C-alpha atoms as a PDB file:
ATOM      1  CA  MET A   1      73.878  63.712  51.179  1.00  0.00           C
ATOM      2  CA  VAL A   2      70.676  61.962  52.200  1.00  0.00           C
ATOM      3  CA  ALA A   3      70.451  64.098  55.341  1.00  0.00           C
ATOM      4  CA  ILE A   4      70.662  67.297  53.283  1.00  0.00           C
ATOM      5  CA  VAL A   5      67.874  66.154  50.982  1.00  0.00           C
ATOM      6  CA  ARG A   6      65.724  65.203  53.969  1.00  0.00           C
ATOM      7  CA  ASP A   7      66.394  68.587  55.635  1.00  0.00           C
ATOM      8  CA  LEU A   8      65.550  70.484  52.465  1.00  0.00           C
ATOM      9  CA  LEU A   9      62.380  68.459  51.988  1.00  0.00           C
ATOM     10  CA  LEU A  10      61.272  69.310  55.514  1.00  0.00           C
ATOM     11  CA  ALA A  11      62.345  72.949  55.304  1.00  0.00           C
ATOM     12  CA  VAL A  12      60.920  73.697  51.865  1.00  0.00           C
ATOM     13  CA  GLY A  13      58.551  70.898  50.937  1.00  0.00           C
ATOM     14  CA  LEU A  14      56.355  70.919  54.015  1.00  0.00           C
ATOM     15  CA  PRO A  15      55.629  74.682  53.987  1.00  0.00           C
ATOM     16  CA  MET A  16      54.990  74.554  50.238  1.00  0.00           C
ATOM     17  CA  ALA A  17      52.560  71.665  50.677  1.00  0.00           C
ATOM     18  CA  LEU A  18      50.724  73.557  53.418  1.00  0.00           C
ATOM     19  CA  LEU A  19      50.583  76.656  51.221  1.00  0.00           C
ATOM     20  CA  VAL A  20      49.159  74.748  48.274  1.00  0.00           C
ATOM     21  CA  ILE A  21      46.597  72.924  50.432  1.00  0.00           C
ATOM     22  CA  GLY A  22      45.559  76.159  52.141  1.00  0.00           C
ATOM     23  CA  THR A  23      45.208  77.951  48.823  1.00  0.00           C
ATOM     24  CA  GLN A  24      43.047  75.157  47.419  1.00  0.00           C
ATOM     25  CA  LEU A  25      40.795  75.233  50.500  1.00  0.00           C
ATOM     26  CA  LEU A  26      40.374  79.011  50.250  1.00  0.00           C
ATOM     27  CA  GLU A  27      39.608  78.853  46.533  1.00  0.00           C
ATOM     28  CA  ARG A  28      36.811  76.370  47.184  1.00  0.00           C
ATOM     29  CA  ARG A  29      35.129  78.942  49.420  1.00  0.00           C
ATOM     30  CA  GLY A  30      34.690  81.249  46.443  1.00  0.00           C
ATOM     31  CA  GLU A  31      34.964  85.009  46.940  1.00  0.00           C
ATOM     32  CA  ARG A  32      34.207  84.941  50.670  1.00  0.00           C
ATOM     33  CA  LEU A  33      37.203  84.861  52.975  1.00  0.00           C
ATOM     34  CA  PRO A  34      36.891  83.834  56.604  1.00  0.00           C
ATOM     35  CA  SER A  35      36.312  86.889  58.810  1.00  0.00           C
ATOM     36  CA  ARG A  36      39.804  86.844  60.316  1.00  0.00           C
ATOM     37  CA  LEU A  37      41.456  86.719  56.898  1.00  0.00           C
ATOM     38  CA  GLY A  38      39.111  89.395  55.613  1.00  0.00           C
ATOM     39  CA  ARG A  39      40.286  91.797  58.314  1.00  0.00           C
ATOM     40  CA  LEU A  40      43.918  90.996  57.557  1.00  0.00           C
ATOM     41  CA  SER A  41      43.459  91.622  53.834  1.00  0.00           C
ATOM     42  CA  GLU A  42      42.312  95.198  54.513  1.00  0.00           C
ATOM     43  CA  HIS A  43      45.851  96.214  55.576  1.00  0.00           C
ATOM     44  CA  SER A  44      48.946  96.612  53.452  1.00  0.00           C
ATOM     45  CA  SER A  45      51.072  93.515  53.622  1.00  0.00           C
ATOM     46  CA  LEU A  46      54.328  94.955  52.293  1.00  0.00           C
ATOM     47  CA  LEU A  47      55.981  95.209  55.699  1.00  0.00           C
ATOM     48  CA  TRP A  48      54.888  91.677  56.625  1.00  0.00           C
ATOM     49  CA  THR A  49      56.165  90.307  53.299  1.00  0.00           C
ATOM     50  CA  ILE A  50      59.547  92.029  53.654  1.00  0.00           C
ATOM     51  CA  GLY A  51      59.934  90.766  57.227  1.00  0.00           C
ATOM     52  CA  THR A  52      59.063  87.215  56.256  1.00  0.00           C
ATOM     53  CA  GLY A  53      61.476  87.350  53.321  1.00  0.00           C
ATOM     54  CA  LEU A  54      64.272  88.591  55.560  1.00  0.00           C
ATOM     55  CA  ILE A  55      63.663  85.850  58.109  1.00  0.00           C
ATOM     56  CA  LEU A  56      63.736  83.195  55.387  1.00  0.00           C
ATOM     57  CA  ALA A  57      66.853  84.623  53.728  1.00  0.00           C
ATOM     58  CA  LEU A  58      68.750  84.948  57.008  1.00  0.00           C
ATOM     59  CA  SER A  59      67.730  81.441  58.055  1.00  0.00           C
ATOM     60  CA  LEU A  60      68.972  80.053  54.760  1.00  0.00           C
ATOM     61  CA  LEU A  61      72.239  81.977  55.126  1.00  0.00           C
ATOM     62  CA  ARG A  62      72.714  80.636  58.647  1.00  0.00           C
ATOM     63  CA  TRP A  63      72.003  77.099  57.497  1.00  0.00           C
ATOM     64  CA  LEU A  64      74.487  77.417  54.617  1.00  0.00           C
ATOM     65  CA  LEU A  65      77.201  78.852  56.850  1.00  0.00           C
ATOM     66  CA  GLN A  66      76.818  76.025  59.367  1.00  0.00           C
ATOM     67  CA  ARG A  67      77.427  73.362  56.714  1.00  0.00           C
END
Protein backbone atom coordinates (compact mmCIF):
# COMPACT_ATOMS: atom_id res chain seq x y z
CA MET A 1 0.00 0.00 0.00
CA VAL A 2 2.84 2.38 0.80
CA ALA A 3 4.38 1.76 -2.63
CA ILE A 4 1.12 2.72 -4.35
CA VAL A 5 0.89 5.96 -2.40
CA ARG A 6 4.52 6.77 -3.20
CA ASP A 7 3.95 6.02 -6.91
CA LEU A 8 0.83 8.18 -7.02
CA LEU A 9 2.61 11.01 -5.24
CA LEU A 10 5.40 10.91 -7.80
CA ALA A 11 3.08 10.48 -10.78
CA VAL A 12 0.52 13.11 -9.79
CA GLY A 13 2.02 15.26 -7.06
CA LEU A 14 5.27 16.20 -8.76
CA PRO A 15 3.69 17.40 -12.04
CA MET A 16 1.02 19.29 -10.11
CA ALA A 17 3.67 21.00 -7.97
CA LEU A 18 5.61 21.99 -11.09
CA LEU A 19 2.42 23.31 -12.69
CA VAL A 20 1.54 25.42 -9.66
CA ILE A 21 5.08 26.78 -9.32
CA GLY A 22 5.25 27.58 -13.04
CA THR A 23 1.89 29.31 -12.95
CA GLN A 24 2.93 31.43 -9.98
CA LEU A 25 6.16 32.44 -11.72
CA LEU A 26 4.30 33.43 -14.89
CA GLU A 27 1.72 35.43 -12.95
CA ARG A 28 4.48 37.45 -11.30
CA ARG A 29 5.62 38.58 -14.75
CA GLY A 30 2.31 40.34 -15.29
CA GLU A 31 0.78 40.41 -18.77
CA ARG A 32 4.05 39.79 -20.61
CA LEU A 33 4.81 36.20 -21.51
CA PRO A 34 8.29 35.07 -22.45
CA SER A 35 8.77 35.25 -26.23
CA ARG A 36 8.70 31.47 -26.72
CA LEU A 37 5.43 31.13 -24.80
CA GLY A 38 3.99 34.11 -26.62
CA ARG A 39 4.53 32.40 -29.97
CA LEU A 40 2.96 29.19 -28.67
CA SER A 41 -0.11 31.01 -27.39
CA GLU A 42 -0.87 32.32 -30.88
CA HIS A 43 -1.84 28.81 -32.07
CA SER A 44 -4.87 26.74 -31.16
CA SER A 45 -4.02 24.29 -28.43
CA LEU A 46 -6.98 21.94 -28.80
CA LEU A 47 -5.02 19.25 -30.62
CA TRP A 48 -2.18 19.45 -28.09
CA THR A 49 -4.61 19.25 -25.17
CA ILE A 50 -6.42 16.23 -26.62
CA GLY A 51 -3.12 14.44 -27.29
CA THR A 52 -1.85 15.11 -23.79
CA GLY A 53 -5.14 13.93 -22.29
CA LEU A 54 -5.01 10.72 -24.31
CA ILE A 55 -1.44 10.02 -23.24
CA LEU A 56 -2.33 10.55 -19.58
CA ALA A 57 -5.49 8.44 -19.79
CA LEU A 58 -3.76 5.57 -21.59
CA SER A 59 -0.85 5.68 -19.15
CA LEU A 60 -3.25 5.49 -16.23
CA LEU A 61 -5.11 2.60 -17.86
CA ARG A 62 -1.84 0.74 -18.44
CA TRP A 63 -0.78 1.32 -14.84
CA LEU A 64 -4.14 0.08 -13.52
CA LEU A 65 -4.07 -3.03 -15.71
CA GLN A 66 -0.57 -3.94 -14.54
CA ARG A 67 -1.61 -3.93 -10.88
